Amino acid sequence: MTDFDFKTAPDEELERIVHTQHPWAVPAAYELQKRQLEKSTQKISIPHWTLVPTFWLVVASIIIALVALFLALRADMRAIRSKIEIRPTAPESPNSGPVVPPQAPKSQPVPSQKKP
């Protein structure tokens, strides 16, 4: 086997060579460890979702949007309160009172005719 054979050999064959007293056991063990290290570094190379810059951009934009919403609602509430407080009240006249709708005149009962 040459160095090229170690790189293309399957893991099972390399493990079989490592567990024997073969002279190529050390290079086979080296190749196995190298493959295991590559597999573990591939798992580590993918960052956690909270470390991605896009996540923090979304969090910052949500916070900014909430602050803007709070400030807009606060300004609207102040405007509504100022309109309520500034509204002038009409002075009451002495003749003012509750408005009662006029009633229709009461009808007189119809006289009944007497029987002879």
Protein backbone atom coordinates (compact mmCIF):
# COMPACT_ATOMS: atom_id res chain seq x y z
CA MET A 1 0.00 0.00 0.00
CA THR A 2 1.19 3.48 -0.75
CA ASP A 3 0.25 6.76 0.88
CA PHE A 4 -2.48 7.17 -1.76
CA ASP A 5 -4.02 3.84 -0.72
CA PHE A 6 -4.42 5.06 2.85
CA LYS A 7 -6.41 8.07 1.71
CA THR A 8 -8.81 6.02 -0.41
CA ALA A 9 -9.15 2.96 1.83
CA PRO A 10 -12.42 2.61 3.76
CA ASP A 11 -12.42 3.09 7.53
CA GLU A 12 -13.09 -0.61 8.22
CA GLU A 13 -9.93 -1.67 6.37
CA LEU A 14 -7.83 0.92 8.18
CA GLU A 15 -9.20 -0.27 11.53
CA ARG A 16 -8.33 -3.85 10.61
CA ILE A 17 -4.74 -2.81 9.78
CA VAL A 18 -4.41 -0.80 13.00
CA HIS A 19 -5.43 -3.77 15.17
CA THR A 20 -2.81 -6.06 13.63
CA GLN A 21 0.96 -6.03 14.03
CA HIS A 22 1.30 -4.87 10.44
CA PRO A 23 4.11 -2.41 9.66
CA TRP A 24 1.56 -0.03 8.18
CA ALA A 25 -0.46 0.14 11.42
CA VAL A 26 0.97 3.53 12.40
CA PRO A 27 0.20 5.27 9.08
CA ALA A 28 -3.28 3.67 9.07
CA ALA A 29 -3.91 4.93 12.63
CA TYR A 30 -2.74 8.38 11.56
CA GLU A 31 -5.18 8.38 8.62
CA LEU A 32 -8.07 7.21 10.85
CA GLN A 33 -7.39 9.95 13.40
CA LYS A 34 -7.13 12.51 10.61
CA ARG A 35 -10.55 11.49 9.23
CA GLN A 36 -12.15 11.61 12.69
CA LEU A 37 -10.69 15.04 13.28
CA GLU A 38 -12.04 16.29 9.94
CA LYS A 39 -15.53 14.98 10.80
CA SER A 40 -15.51 16.66 14.20
CA THR A 41 -14.24 19.99 12.82
CA GLN A 42 -16.99 19.97 10.20
CA LYS A 43 -19.57 19.78 12.99
CA ILE A 44 -17.86 22.60 14.88
CA SER A 45 -17.49 24.83 11.80
CA ILE A 46 -21.26 25.40 11.63
CA PRO A 47 -21.94 28.25 14.09
CA HIS A 48 -24.84 28.23 16.50
CA TRP A 49 -27.89 30.10 15.20
CA THR A 50 -27.53 32.83 17.82
CA LEU A 51 -24.01 33.64 16.61
CA VAL A 52 -25.05 34.37 13.04
CA PRO A 53 -25.00 38.13 12.30
CA THR A 54 -28.44 37.94 10.67
CA PHE A 55 -29.97 36.90 13.98
CA TRP A 56 -28.61 39.96 15.76
CA LEU A 57 -29.72 42.19 12.89
CA VAL A 58 -33.27 40.89 13.29
CA VAL A 59 -33.17 41.37 17.07
CA ALA A 60 -31.92 44.96 16.69
CA SER A 61 -34.58 45.80 14.09
CA ILE A 62 -37.34 44.40 16.33
CA ILE A 63 -36.14 46.50 19.26
CA ILE A 64 -35.98 49.64 17.10
CA ALA A 65 -39.48 48.95 15.75
CA LEU A 66 -40.87 48.53 19.29
CA VAL A 67 -39.29 51.80 20.43
CA ALA A 68 -40.72 53.62 17.39
CA LEU A 69 -44.15 52.14 18.06
CA PHE A 70 -44.00 53.25 21.70
CA LEU A 71 -43.01 56.79 20.74
CA ALA A 72 -45.73 57.02 18.08
CA LEU A 73 -48.44 55.81 20.45
CA ARG A 74 -47.21 58.16 23.14
CA ALA A 75 -47.41 61.14 20.75
CA ASP A 76 -50.90 60.11 19.63
CA MET A 77 -52.11 59.82 23.20
CA ARG A 78 -50.73 63.28 24.00
CA ALA A 79 -52.51 64.72 20.96
CA ILE A 80 -55.80 63.10 21.98
CA ARG A 81 -55.46 64.35 25.56
CA SER A 82 -54.70 67.88 24.39
CA LYS A 83 -57.81 67.91 22.17
CA ILE A 84 -59.97 66.77 25.06
CA GLU A 85 -58.57 69.36 27.48
CA ILE A 86 -58.71 72.30 25.03
CA ARG A 87 -62.29 71.68 23.94
CA PRO A 88 -64.23 74.78 25.03
CA THR A 89 -67.34 74.34 27.07
CA ALA A 90 -70.43 76.46 26.35
CA PRO A 91 -71.50 78.62 29.26
CA GLU A 92 -74.81 77.56 30.68
CA SER A 93 -77.68 79.97 30.30
CA PRO A 94 -80.21 80.33 33.09
CA ASN A 95 -82.96 78.90 30.92
CA SER A 96 -80.98 75.86 29.95
CA GLY A 97 -82.16 72.54 31.08
CA PRO A 98 -82.84 69.12 29.71
CA VAL A 99 -84.50 69.15 26.33
CA VAL A 100 -87.89 67.46 26.43
CA PRO A 101 -89.54 66.64 23.11
CA PRO A 102 -93.06 68.10 22.71
CA GLN A 103 -95.89 65.67 23.32
CA ALA A 104 -98.93 65.25 21.15
CA PRO A 105 -102.17 66.55 22.71
CA LYS A 106 -104.17 63.95 24.54
CA SER A 107 -107.26 62.88 22.69
CA GLN A 108 -110.65 63.16 24.41
CA PRO A 109 -112.57 59.94 24.81
CA VAL A 110 -115.40 59.58 22.36
CA PRO A 111 -118.81 59.92 24.12
CA SER A 112 -120.70 56.72 23.93
CA GLN A 113 -124.22 56.74 22.54
CA LYS A 114 -127.00 55.79 24.88
CA LYS A 115 -129.41 53.06 23.85
CA PRO A 116 -133.22 53.81 24.11
